N, C-alpha and C. Protein backbone atom coordinates (compact mmCIF):
# COMPACT_ATOMS: atom_id res chain seq x y z
N MET A 1 -15.88 -10.83 1.62
CA MET A 1 -15.57 -9.73 2.52
C MET A 1 -16.52 -8.57 2.26
N THR A 2 -17.00 -7.97 3.31
CA THR A 2 -17.87 -6.81 3.13
C THR A 2 -17.02 -5.56 2.96
N ILE A 3 -17.57 -4.62 2.25
CA ILE A 3 -16.85 -3.36 1.99
C ILE A 3 -16.80 -2.53 3.27
N PRO A 4 -15.61 -2.05 3.65
CA PRO A 4 -15.51 -1.15 4.80
C PRO A 4 -16.31 0.14 4.51
N GLN A 5 -17.34 0.40 5.30
CA GLN A 5 -18.29 1.47 4.99
C GLN A 5 -17.72 2.88 5.11
N LEU A 6 -16.88 3.13 6.11
CA LEU A 6 -16.28 4.46 6.22
C LEU A 6 -15.32 4.73 5.06
N LEU A 7 -14.58 3.70 4.66
CA LEU A 7 -13.66 3.85 3.52
C LEU A 7 -14.45 4.09 2.24
N LYS A 8 -15.53 3.34 2.05
CA LYS A 8 -16.39 3.51 0.87
C LYS A 8 -16.92 4.95 0.81
N ALA A 9 -17.46 5.44 1.92
CA ALA A 9 -18.02 6.80 1.95
C ALA A 9 -16.95 7.85 1.69
N SER A 10 -15.77 7.65 2.26
CA SER A 10 -14.70 8.64 2.05
C SER A 10 -14.26 8.67 0.59
N LEU A 11 -14.19 7.50 -0.02
CA LEU A 11 -13.80 7.45 -1.44
C LEU A 11 -14.85 8.08 -2.34
N GLU A 12 -16.10 7.75 -2.10
CA GLU A 12 -17.16 8.24 -2.97
C GLU A 12 -17.37 9.75 -2.86
N SER A 13 -16.84 10.37 -1.82
CA SER A 13 -16.93 11.83 -1.69
C SER A 13 -15.62 12.52 -2.05
N SER A 14 -14.65 11.77 -2.60
CA SER A 14 -13.33 12.34 -2.94
C SER A 14 -13.38 13.21 -4.18
N PRO A 15 -12.72 14.38 -4.13
CA PRO A 15 -12.58 15.19 -5.35
C PRO A 15 -11.58 14.55 -6.31
N ILE A 16 -11.72 14.84 -7.59
CA ILE A 16 -10.84 14.31 -8.64
C ILE A 16 -9.96 15.44 -9.17
N VAL A 17 -8.66 15.16 -9.33
CA VAL A 17 -7.76 16.11 -9.99
C VAL A 17 -7.05 15.37 -11.11
N LYS A 18 -6.70 16.10 -12.15
CA LYS A 18 -5.98 15.51 -13.29
C LYS A 18 -4.49 15.71 -13.10
N LYS A 19 -3.72 14.65 -13.30
CA LYS A 19 -2.26 14.72 -13.35
C LYS A 19 -1.89 14.20 -14.73
N GLY A 20 -1.79 15.12 -15.68
CA GLY A 20 -1.63 14.72 -17.07
C GLY A 20 -2.91 14.05 -17.52
N GLU A 21 -2.82 12.82 -17.99
CA GLU A 21 -3.99 12.06 -18.41
C GLU A 21 -4.56 11.20 -17.27
N TYR A 22 -3.90 11.24 -16.13
CA TYR A 22 -4.25 10.38 -15.00
C TYR A 22 -5.31 11.05 -14.13
N ASN A 23 -6.43 10.37 -13.89
CA ASN A 23 -7.47 10.84 -12.97
C ASN A 23 -7.10 10.41 -11.56
N TYR A 24 -6.78 11.38 -10.72
CA TYR A 24 -6.29 11.13 -9.38
C TYR A 24 -7.33 11.57 -8.37
N PHE A 25 -7.78 10.65 -7.49
CA PHE A 25 -8.72 11.08 -6.46
C PHE A 25 -7.95 11.48 -5.20
N VAL A 26 -8.40 12.55 -4.57
CA VAL A 26 -7.78 13.05 -3.34
C VAL A 26 -8.61 12.52 -2.17
N ASN A 27 -7.98 11.70 -1.33
CA ASN A 27 -8.70 11.01 -0.28
C ASN A 27 -7.87 10.99 1.00
N ALA A 28 -8.54 10.92 2.13
CA ALA A 28 -7.85 10.90 3.43
C ALA A 28 -6.84 9.76 3.52
N ILE A 29 -7.20 8.55 3.09
CA ILE A 29 -6.30 7.40 3.19
C ILE A 29 -5.15 7.50 2.20
N THR A 30 -5.40 7.99 0.99
CA THR A 30 -4.34 8.06 -0.02
C THR A 30 -3.50 9.32 0.06
N ASP A 31 -4.01 10.37 0.70
CA ASP A 31 -3.30 11.64 0.69
C ASP A 31 -3.21 12.32 2.05
N GLY A 32 -3.98 11.86 3.02
CA GLY A 32 -3.99 12.52 4.32
C GLY A 32 -4.66 13.88 4.28
N VAL A 33 -5.45 14.12 3.23
CA VAL A 33 -6.09 15.42 3.02
C VAL A 33 -7.59 15.21 2.95
N PRO A 34 -8.39 15.98 3.64
CA PRO A 34 -7.97 17.07 4.53
C PRO A 34 -7.43 16.54 5.85
N GLU A 35 -7.90 15.40 6.31
CA GLU A 35 -7.39 14.74 7.51
C GLU A 35 -7.88 13.30 7.48
N ILE A 36 -7.22 12.45 8.26
CA ILE A 36 -7.66 11.06 8.39
C ILE A 36 -8.35 10.94 9.74
N SER A 37 -9.62 10.66 9.73
CA SER A 37 -10.32 10.51 11.01
C SER A 37 -9.83 9.24 11.71
N ALA A 38 -9.85 9.27 13.02
CA ALA A 38 -9.44 8.10 13.80
C ALA A 38 -10.30 6.89 13.47
N GLU A 39 -11.60 7.13 13.27
CA GLU A 39 -12.52 6.03 12.97
C GLU A 39 -12.19 5.37 11.64
N LEU A 40 -11.90 6.19 10.62
CA LEU A 40 -11.55 5.66 9.30
C LEU A 40 -10.25 4.87 9.38
N LEU A 41 -9.26 5.42 10.04
CA LEU A 41 -7.97 4.73 10.15
C LEU A 41 -8.11 3.42 10.92
N ARG A 42 -8.89 3.44 12.00
CA ARG A 42 -9.12 2.20 12.76
C ARG A 42 -9.82 1.15 11.89
N GLU A 43 -10.80 1.58 11.09
CA GLU A 43 -11.51 0.64 10.23
C GLU A 43 -10.55 0.01 9.22
N VAL A 44 -9.72 0.81 8.58
CA VAL A 44 -8.78 0.30 7.58
C VAL A 44 -7.79 -0.67 8.22
N VAL A 45 -7.26 -0.34 9.39
CA VAL A 45 -6.30 -1.22 10.06
C VAL A 45 -6.99 -2.51 10.53
N SER A 46 -8.19 -2.41 11.06
CA SER A 46 -8.93 -3.59 11.50
C SER A 46 -9.20 -4.54 10.33
N GLU A 47 -9.62 -3.99 9.20
CA GLU A 47 -9.89 -4.82 8.02
C GLU A 47 -8.60 -5.40 7.45
N THR A 48 -7.52 -4.64 7.51
CA THR A 48 -6.22 -5.13 7.06
C THR A 48 -5.79 -6.32 7.91
N LYS A 49 -5.93 -6.18 9.21
CA LYS A 49 -5.53 -7.25 10.13
C LYS A 49 -6.31 -8.54 9.87
N LYS A 50 -7.58 -8.41 9.52
CA LYS A 50 -8.41 -9.59 9.21
C LYS A 50 -7.88 -10.37 8.01
N LEU A 51 -7.16 -9.70 7.11
CA LEU A 51 -6.66 -10.35 5.91
C LEU A 51 -5.31 -11.03 6.09
N LEU A 52 -4.65 -10.82 7.23
CA LEU A 52 -3.37 -11.48 7.49
C LEU A 52 -3.58 -12.99 7.56
N THR A 53 -2.75 -13.73 6.85
CA THR A 53 -2.90 -15.19 6.84
C THR A 53 -2.03 -15.90 7.85
N SER A 54 -0.99 -15.22 8.34
CA SER A 54 -0.03 -15.88 9.22
C SER A 54 0.70 -14.83 10.05
N ASP A 55 1.41 -15.31 11.05
CA ASP A 55 2.22 -14.42 11.88
C ASP A 55 3.39 -13.87 11.05
N VAL A 56 3.79 -12.66 11.35
CA VAL A 56 4.92 -12.02 10.65
C VAL A 56 5.93 -11.54 11.67
N ASP A 57 7.16 -11.31 11.19
CA ASP A 57 8.21 -10.73 12.04
C ASP A 57 8.16 -9.21 12.02
N LYS A 58 7.79 -8.65 10.86
CA LYS A 58 7.84 -7.20 10.69
C LYS A 58 6.70 -6.74 9.79
N VAL A 59 6.26 -5.50 10.03
CA VAL A 59 5.29 -4.83 9.17
C VAL A 59 6.09 -3.84 8.33
N VAL A 60 5.89 -3.90 7.01
CA VAL A 60 6.59 -3.00 6.09
C VAL A 60 5.57 -2.04 5.49
N ALA A 61 5.85 -0.75 5.64
CA ALA A 61 4.97 0.29 5.09
C ALA A 61 5.76 1.13 4.10
N ILE A 62 5.08 1.53 3.03
CA ILE A 62 5.71 2.34 1.99
C ILE A 62 5.40 3.80 2.26
N GLU A 63 6.46 4.62 2.34
CA GLU A 63 6.31 6.06 2.55
C GLU A 63 5.55 6.66 1.38
N ALA A 64 4.64 7.53 1.52
CA ALA A 64 4.29 8.20 2.74
C ALA A 64 2.99 7.64 3.32
N MET A 65 1.99 7.37 2.49
CA MET A 65 0.66 7.08 3.02
C MET A 65 0.46 5.64 3.48
N GLY A 66 1.44 4.79 3.31
CA GLY A 66 1.38 3.49 3.94
C GLY A 66 1.71 3.58 5.42
N LEU A 67 2.32 4.71 5.83
CA LEU A 67 2.77 4.85 7.22
C LEU A 67 1.66 4.86 8.26
N PRO A 68 0.56 5.62 8.07
CA PRO A 68 -0.48 5.57 9.10
C PRO A 68 -1.03 4.15 9.30
N ILE A 69 -1.26 3.44 8.21
CA ILE A 69 -1.77 2.07 8.29
C ILE A 69 -0.73 1.16 8.94
N GLY A 70 0.50 1.25 8.45
CA GLY A 70 1.57 0.40 8.96
C GLY A 70 1.89 0.62 10.43
N ALA A 71 1.89 1.88 10.85
CA ALA A 71 2.23 2.19 12.24
C ALA A 71 1.19 1.60 13.20
N LEU A 72 -0.08 1.81 12.89
CA LEU A 72 -1.13 1.27 13.76
C LEU A 72 -1.15 -0.26 13.74
N LEU A 73 -0.95 -0.85 12.55
CA LEU A 73 -0.95 -2.31 12.45
C LEU A 73 0.23 -2.89 13.23
N ALA A 74 1.42 -2.31 13.07
CA ALA A 74 2.60 -2.81 13.78
C ALA A 74 2.40 -2.72 15.29
N ALA A 75 1.85 -1.61 15.76
CA ALA A 75 1.60 -1.46 17.20
C ALA A 75 0.59 -2.48 17.68
N ASP A 76 -0.47 -2.69 16.89
CA ASP A 76 -1.51 -3.65 17.26
C ASP A 76 -0.97 -5.08 17.30
N LEU A 77 -0.08 -5.41 16.37
CA LEU A 77 0.51 -6.75 16.31
C LEU A 77 1.72 -6.90 17.24
N ASN A 78 2.18 -5.78 17.82
CA ASN A 78 3.39 -5.74 18.63
C ASN A 78 4.60 -6.23 17.84
N LYS A 79 4.72 -5.71 16.61
CA LYS A 79 5.82 -6.07 15.71
C LYS A 79 6.54 -4.79 15.29
N PRO A 80 7.82 -4.91 14.91
CA PRO A 80 8.53 -3.72 14.42
C PRO A 80 7.95 -3.22 13.10
N LEU A 81 8.07 -1.93 12.88
CA LEU A 81 7.67 -1.29 11.63
C LEU A 81 8.92 -0.96 10.83
N VAL A 82 8.96 -1.39 9.58
CA VAL A 82 10.03 -1.04 8.67
C VAL A 82 9.43 -0.13 7.61
N VAL A 83 10.05 1.04 7.41
CA VAL A 83 9.53 2.02 6.48
C VAL A 83 10.37 2.04 5.21
N MET A 84 9.70 1.85 4.07
CA MET A 84 10.36 2.02 2.78
C MET A 84 10.42 3.53 2.54
N ARG A 85 11.60 4.11 2.67
CA ARG A 85 11.78 5.56 2.61
C ARG A 85 12.07 6.05 1.20
N LYS A 86 11.71 7.27 0.94
CA LYS A 86 12.02 7.92 -0.34
C LYS A 86 13.37 8.61 -0.27
N LYS A 87 14.03 8.47 0.86
CA LYS A 87 15.33 9.10 1.10
C LYS A 87 16.31 8.01 1.50
N GLY A 88 17.48 8.01 0.89
CA GLY A 88 18.52 7.07 1.26
C GLY A 88 19.40 7.63 2.36
N TYR A 89 19.94 6.72 3.18
CA TYR A 89 20.81 7.14 4.27
C TYR A 89 22.23 6.63 4.10
N GLY A 90 22.44 5.70 3.17
CA GLY A 90 23.77 5.15 2.96
C GLY A 90 24.20 4.18 4.05
N LEU A 91 23.25 3.61 4.78
CA LEU A 91 23.58 2.64 5.82
C LEU A 91 24.07 1.34 5.19
N ALA A 92 24.85 0.59 5.94
CA ALA A 92 25.31 -0.72 5.46
C ALA A 92 24.10 -1.59 5.17
N GLY A 93 24.08 -2.21 4.02
CA GLY A 93 22.98 -3.10 3.64
C GLY A 93 21.79 -2.39 3.03
N GLU A 94 21.82 -1.07 2.91
CA GLU A 94 20.69 -0.34 2.31
C GLU A 94 20.53 -0.75 0.85
N VAL A 95 19.27 -0.97 0.44
CA VAL A 95 18.97 -1.38 -0.92
C VAL A 95 18.07 -0.32 -1.55
N SER A 96 18.40 0.07 -2.78
CA SER A 96 17.64 1.08 -3.51
C SER A 96 16.71 0.38 -4.51
N VAL A 97 15.48 0.89 -4.62
CA VAL A 97 14.49 0.34 -5.54
C VAL A 97 13.99 1.47 -6.43
N GLU A 98 14.12 1.32 -7.74
CA GLU A 98 13.61 2.30 -8.70
C GLU A 98 12.13 2.03 -8.91
N GLN A 99 11.28 3.04 -8.67
CA GLN A 99 9.84 2.88 -8.84
C GLN A 99 9.35 3.81 -9.93
N VAL A 100 8.47 3.28 -10.78
CA VAL A 100 7.84 4.07 -11.83
C VAL A 100 6.35 3.85 -11.71
N THR A 101 5.61 4.95 -11.50
CA THR A 101 4.16 4.85 -11.39
C THR A 101 3.54 5.55 -12.59
N GLY A 102 2.23 5.66 -12.59
CA GLY A 102 1.54 6.32 -13.69
C GLY A 102 1.76 7.82 -13.72
N TYR A 103 2.30 8.37 -12.62
CA TYR A 103 2.44 9.82 -12.55
C TYR A 103 3.77 10.28 -11.97
N SER A 104 4.70 9.35 -11.67
CA SER A 104 6.00 9.78 -11.15
C SER A 104 7.04 8.68 -11.31
N LYS A 105 8.30 9.09 -11.10
CA LYS A 105 9.43 8.17 -11.12
C LYS A 105 10.33 8.57 -9.96
N ALA A 106 10.70 7.61 -9.13
CA ALA A 106 11.51 7.92 -7.96
C ALA A 106 12.18 6.65 -7.45
N LYS A 107 12.88 6.78 -6.33
CA LYS A 107 13.49 5.64 -5.68
C LYS A 107 12.93 5.52 -4.27
N VAL A 108 12.87 4.28 -3.78
CA VAL A 108 12.63 4.03 -2.37
C VAL A 108 13.81 3.21 -1.86
N PHE A 109 14.05 3.32 -0.57
CA PHE A 109 15.22 2.68 0.03
C PHE A 109 14.78 1.74 1.13
N ILE A 110 15.39 0.56 1.13
CA ILE A 110 15.08 -0.48 2.11
C ILE A 110 16.22 -0.57 3.12
N ASN A 111 15.87 -0.45 4.37
CA ASN A 111 16.80 -0.68 5.48
C ASN A 111 16.05 -1.55 6.49
N GLY A 112 16.76 -2.40 7.20
CA GLY A 112 16.15 -3.14 8.29
C GLY A 112 15.49 -4.46 7.92
N LEU A 113 15.66 -4.90 6.69
CA LEU A 113 15.12 -6.22 6.30
C LEU A 113 16.27 -7.15 5.94
N HIS A 114 16.10 -8.41 6.30
CA HIS A 114 17.15 -9.40 6.08
C HIS A 114 16.56 -10.70 5.55
N ARG A 115 17.41 -11.48 4.92
CA ARG A 115 17.01 -12.80 4.40
C ARG A 115 16.27 -13.57 5.50
N GLY A 116 15.11 -14.13 5.12
CA GLY A 116 14.33 -14.93 6.05
C GLY A 116 13.31 -14.16 6.88
N ASP A 117 13.39 -12.83 6.90
CA ASP A 117 12.37 -12.06 7.62
C ASP A 117 11.00 -12.34 7.01
N ARG A 118 10.03 -12.60 7.86
CA ARG A 118 8.64 -12.83 7.43
C ARG A 118 7.91 -11.49 7.57
N ILE A 119 7.42 -10.97 6.43
CA ILE A 119 6.85 -9.62 6.46
C ILE A 119 5.44 -9.56 5.87
N VAL A 120 4.72 -8.53 6.27
CA VAL A 120 3.51 -8.11 5.58
C VAL A 120 3.80 -6.70 5.07
N ILE A 121 3.47 -6.46 3.82
CA ILE A 121 3.60 -5.13 3.23
C ILE A 121 2.23 -4.49 3.21
N VAL A 122 2.14 -3.25 3.70
CA VAL A 122 0.89 -2.51 3.66
C VAL A 122 1.12 -1.17 2.96
N ASP A 123 0.08 -0.73 2.25
CA ASP A 123 0.15 0.57 1.59
C ASP A 123 -1.27 1.08 1.39
N ASP A 124 -1.37 2.30 0.91
CA ASP A 124 -2.67 2.94 0.76
C ASP A 124 -3.38 2.54 -0.52
N VAL A 125 -2.68 2.54 -1.65
CA VAL A 125 -3.35 2.29 -2.93
C VAL A 125 -2.41 1.59 -3.90
N VAL A 126 -2.96 0.69 -4.70
CA VAL A 126 -2.25 0.14 -5.86
C VAL A 126 -3.05 0.57 -7.08
N SER A 127 -2.39 1.31 -7.97
CA SER A 127 -3.08 1.76 -9.18
C SER A 127 -2.34 1.26 -10.41
N THR A 128 -1.17 1.80 -10.70
CA THR A 128 -0.41 1.30 -11.85
C THR A 128 0.39 0.06 -11.50
N GLY A 129 0.71 -0.09 -10.20
CA GLY A 129 1.48 -1.24 -9.74
C GLY A 129 2.98 -1.07 -9.82
N GLY A 130 3.45 0.07 -10.33
CA GLY A 130 4.88 0.28 -10.53
C GLY A 130 5.71 0.16 -9.27
N THR A 131 5.28 0.80 -8.20
CA THR A 131 6.03 0.76 -6.93
C THR A 131 6.07 -0.66 -6.39
N LEU A 132 4.93 -1.29 -6.34
CA LEU A 132 4.83 -2.63 -5.74
C LEU A 132 5.61 -3.67 -6.54
N LYS A 133 5.52 -3.61 -7.85
CA LYS A 133 6.23 -4.58 -8.69
C LYS A 133 7.74 -4.49 -8.46
N ALA A 134 8.27 -3.28 -8.44
CA ALA A 134 9.71 -3.10 -8.22
C ALA A 134 10.12 -3.56 -6.83
N LEU A 135 9.33 -3.20 -5.82
CA LEU A 135 9.63 -3.57 -4.45
C LEU A 135 9.60 -5.08 -4.24
N LEU A 136 8.57 -5.75 -4.76
CA LEU A 136 8.47 -7.20 -4.60
C LEU A 136 9.64 -7.92 -5.26
N SER A 137 10.05 -7.45 -6.41
CA SER A 137 11.18 -8.05 -7.11
C SER A 137 12.46 -7.97 -6.28
N VAL A 138 12.74 -6.81 -5.72
CA VAL A 138 13.95 -6.63 -4.92
C VAL A 138 13.87 -7.44 -3.62
N LEU A 139 12.70 -7.44 -2.98
CA LEU A 139 12.56 -8.20 -1.73
C LEU A 139 12.77 -9.70 -1.96
N LYS A 140 12.27 -10.21 -3.08
CA LYS A 140 12.49 -11.62 -3.41
C LYS A 140 13.98 -11.90 -3.58
N GLU A 141 14.69 -11.00 -4.29
CA GLU A 141 16.14 -11.15 -4.48
C GLU A 141 16.87 -11.15 -3.14
N MET A 142 16.36 -10.38 -2.18
CA MET A 142 16.98 -10.29 -0.85
C MET A 142 16.70 -11.53 0.00
N GLY A 143 15.76 -12.37 -0.42
CA GLY A 143 15.42 -13.56 0.35
C GLY A 143 14.45 -13.30 1.48
N VAL A 144 13.70 -12.20 1.39
CA VAL A 144 12.69 -11.86 2.39
C VAL A 144 11.45 -12.70 2.10
N ASP A 145 10.81 -13.23 3.14
CA ASP A 145 9.60 -14.04 2.99
C ASP A 145 8.39 -13.11 3.06
N ILE A 146 7.75 -12.89 1.92
CA ILE A 146 6.59 -12.00 1.82
C ILE A 146 5.35 -12.83 2.15
N VAL A 147 4.88 -12.70 3.38
CA VAL A 147 3.73 -13.47 3.86
C VAL A 147 2.44 -12.94 3.23
N ASP A 148 2.27 -11.62 3.28
CA ASP A 148 1.07 -10.98 2.72
C ASP A 148 1.42 -9.61 2.19
N VAL A 149 0.65 -9.18 1.20
CA VAL A 149 0.66 -7.81 0.71
C VAL A 149 -0.79 -7.35 0.78
N ILE A 150 -1.04 -6.34 1.62
CA ILE A 150 -2.41 -5.88 1.83
C ILE A 150 -2.45 -4.37 1.58
N ILE A 151 -3.23 -4.00 0.58
CA ILE A 151 -3.34 -2.61 0.17
C ILE A 151 -4.78 -2.17 0.41
N ALA A 152 -4.96 -0.98 0.96
CA ALA A 152 -6.31 -0.51 1.29
C ALA A 152 -7.19 -0.40 0.04
N ILE A 153 -6.68 0.26 -1.00
CA ILE A 153 -7.51 0.60 -2.16
C ILE A 153 -6.88 0.09 -3.45
N GLU A 154 -7.69 -0.55 -4.24
CA GLU A 154 -7.29 -1.04 -5.57
C GLU A 154 -7.90 -0.12 -6.62
N LYS A 155 -7.06 0.42 -7.49
CA LYS A 155 -7.55 1.29 -8.57
C LYS A 155 -6.97 0.80 -9.88
N GLY A 156 -7.79 0.66 -10.89
CA GLY A 156 -7.30 0.24 -12.20
C GLY A 156 -6.85 -1.20 -12.22
N ASP A 157 -5.91 -1.50 -13.13
CA ASP A 157 -5.45 -2.87 -13.35
C ASP A 157 -4.10 -3.18 -12.74
N GLY A 158 -3.56 -2.28 -11.93
CA GLY A 158 -2.23 -2.49 -11.36
C GLY A 158 -2.11 -3.75 -10.53
N LYS A 159 -3.12 -4.05 -9.73
CA LYS A 159 -3.09 -5.25 -8.88
C LYS A 159 -2.93 -6.50 -9.74
N LYS A 160 -3.75 -6.60 -10.76
CA LYS A 160 -3.70 -7.78 -11.64
C LYS A 160 -2.33 -7.89 -12.33
N MET A 161 -1.81 -6.76 -12.78
CA MET A 161 -0.50 -6.75 -13.45
C MET A 161 0.60 -7.20 -12.50
N VAL A 162 0.58 -6.69 -11.26
CA VAL A 162 1.60 -7.07 -10.28
C VAL A 162 1.52 -8.57 -9.98
N GLU A 163 0.31 -9.08 -9.79
CA GLU A 163 0.14 -10.50 -9.50
C GLU A 163 0.65 -11.36 -10.65
N GLN A 164 0.34 -10.98 -11.89
CA GLN A 164 0.78 -11.74 -13.05
C GLN A 164 2.30 -11.71 -13.20
N GLU A 165 2.90 -10.56 -12.98
CA GLU A 165 4.35 -10.42 -13.21
C GLU A 165 5.21 -10.93 -12.06
N THR A 166 4.66 -10.94 -10.83
CA THR A 166 5.48 -11.34 -9.67
C THR A 166 5.06 -12.67 -9.06
N GLY A 167 3.83 -13.11 -9.34
CA GLY A 167 3.32 -14.32 -8.72
C GLY A 167 2.90 -14.13 -7.27
N VAL A 168 2.89 -12.89 -6.79
CA VAL A 168 2.50 -12.59 -5.42
C VAL A 168 1.05 -12.13 -5.40
N LYS A 169 0.24 -12.73 -4.52
CA LYS A 169 -1.16 -12.33 -4.40
C LYS A 169 -1.25 -11.03 -3.62
N ILE A 170 -2.02 -10.09 -4.15
CA ILE A 170 -2.24 -8.80 -3.51
C ILE A 170 -3.68 -8.79 -2.98
N LYS A 171 -3.82 -8.48 -1.69
CA LYS A 171 -5.14 -8.38 -1.08
C LYS A 171 -5.49 -6.91 -0.94
N THR A 172 -6.74 -6.56 -1.26
CA THR A 172 -7.19 -5.19 -1.12
C THR A 172 -8.51 -5.17 -0.35
N LEU A 173 -8.83 -4.00 0.22
CA LEU A 173 -10.06 -3.85 0.99
C LEU A 173 -11.23 -3.43 0.12
N ILE A 174 -10.95 -2.63 -0.92
CA ILE A 174 -12.01 -2.06 -1.75
C ILE A 174 -11.42 -1.69 -3.10
N LYS A 175 -12.25 -1.74 -4.12
CA LYS A 175 -11.85 -1.30 -5.46
C LYS A 175 -12.51 0.05 -5.71
N ALA A 176 -11.73 0.98 -6.26
CA ALA A 176 -12.25 2.32 -6.56
C ALA A 176 -11.70 2.77 -7.90
N ASP A 177 -12.57 3.29 -8.73
CA ASP A 177 -12.15 3.82 -10.02
C ASP A 177 -12.88 5.12 -10.29
N VAL A 178 -12.25 5.95 -11.10
CA VAL A 178 -12.88 7.20 -11.51
C VAL A 178 -13.65 6.92 -12.79
N ILE A 179 -14.97 7.12 -12.73
CA ILE A 179 -15.85 6.90 -13.88
C ILE A 179 -16.71 8.15 -14.05
N GLU A 180 -16.59 8.74 -15.22
CA GLU A 180 -17.35 9.96 -15.54
C GLU A 180 -17.19 11.02 -14.46
N GLY A 181 -15.95 11.22 -14.02
CA GLY A 181 -15.64 12.28 -13.07
C GLY A 181 -16.01 12.03 -11.62
N LYS A 182 -16.38 10.77 -11.28
CA LYS A 182 -16.73 10.44 -9.91
C LYS A 182 -16.00 9.17 -9.49
N VAL A 183 -15.76 9.04 -8.18
CA VAL A 183 -15.18 7.80 -7.66
C VAL A 183 -16.32 6.80 -7.44
N VAL A 184 -16.17 5.64 -8.06
CA VAL A 184 -17.14 4.55 -7.93
C VAL A 184 -16.42 3.39 -7.24
N THR A 185 -17.04 2.85 -6.19
CA THR A 185 -16.41 1.76 -5.43
C THR A 185 -17.14 0.44 -5.70
N SER A 186 -16.41 -0.65 -5.45
CA SER A 186 -17.01 -1.97 -5.56
C SER A 186 -16.25 -2.93 -4.66
N GLU A 187 -16.87 -4.06 -4.39
CA GLU A 187 -16.25 -5.11 -3.58
C GLU A 187 -15.15 -5.76 -4.38
N VAL A 188 -14.12 -6.25 -3.69
CA VAL A 188 -13.01 -6.93 -4.36
C VAL A 188 -13.27 -8.42 -4.43
């Protein structure tokens, strides 16, 4: 797979901020800051769609920055969008997932998924893998058929850790790491 050029350029020009010991890059796709250009978003969704291996019933996006990718992909595929929310509603069948990342701890809530649903999960970045690992575990318990997991940006070793611990293959568009205060990208 060739590296998406607009995504590569946006990453390589991203500023770096420290969150404790964690080097965090601020990028349009991962943060919506300063803005996500239509061209960049179209490129990410187009490349994501190319990685789908099979038809799905639903597109699942993780709040917040999985939403732009998930919304456009769901519309393009003419499939419903299910949002993993950071807020619970107490609806019948709602499932809570405890997520721990390299820089935060929170819950996400699942509504609208049922045993046998064939889904693709999309998100902006996998870095520590905490969110994805917890979500995949709960979805498997629910009997949801995870057809694909496609994440725009891979940072660090989180992808490998999630794959080893869950047995689910994670597809990414580009790898990006902070090296000597700069974002360096590479092909996956």
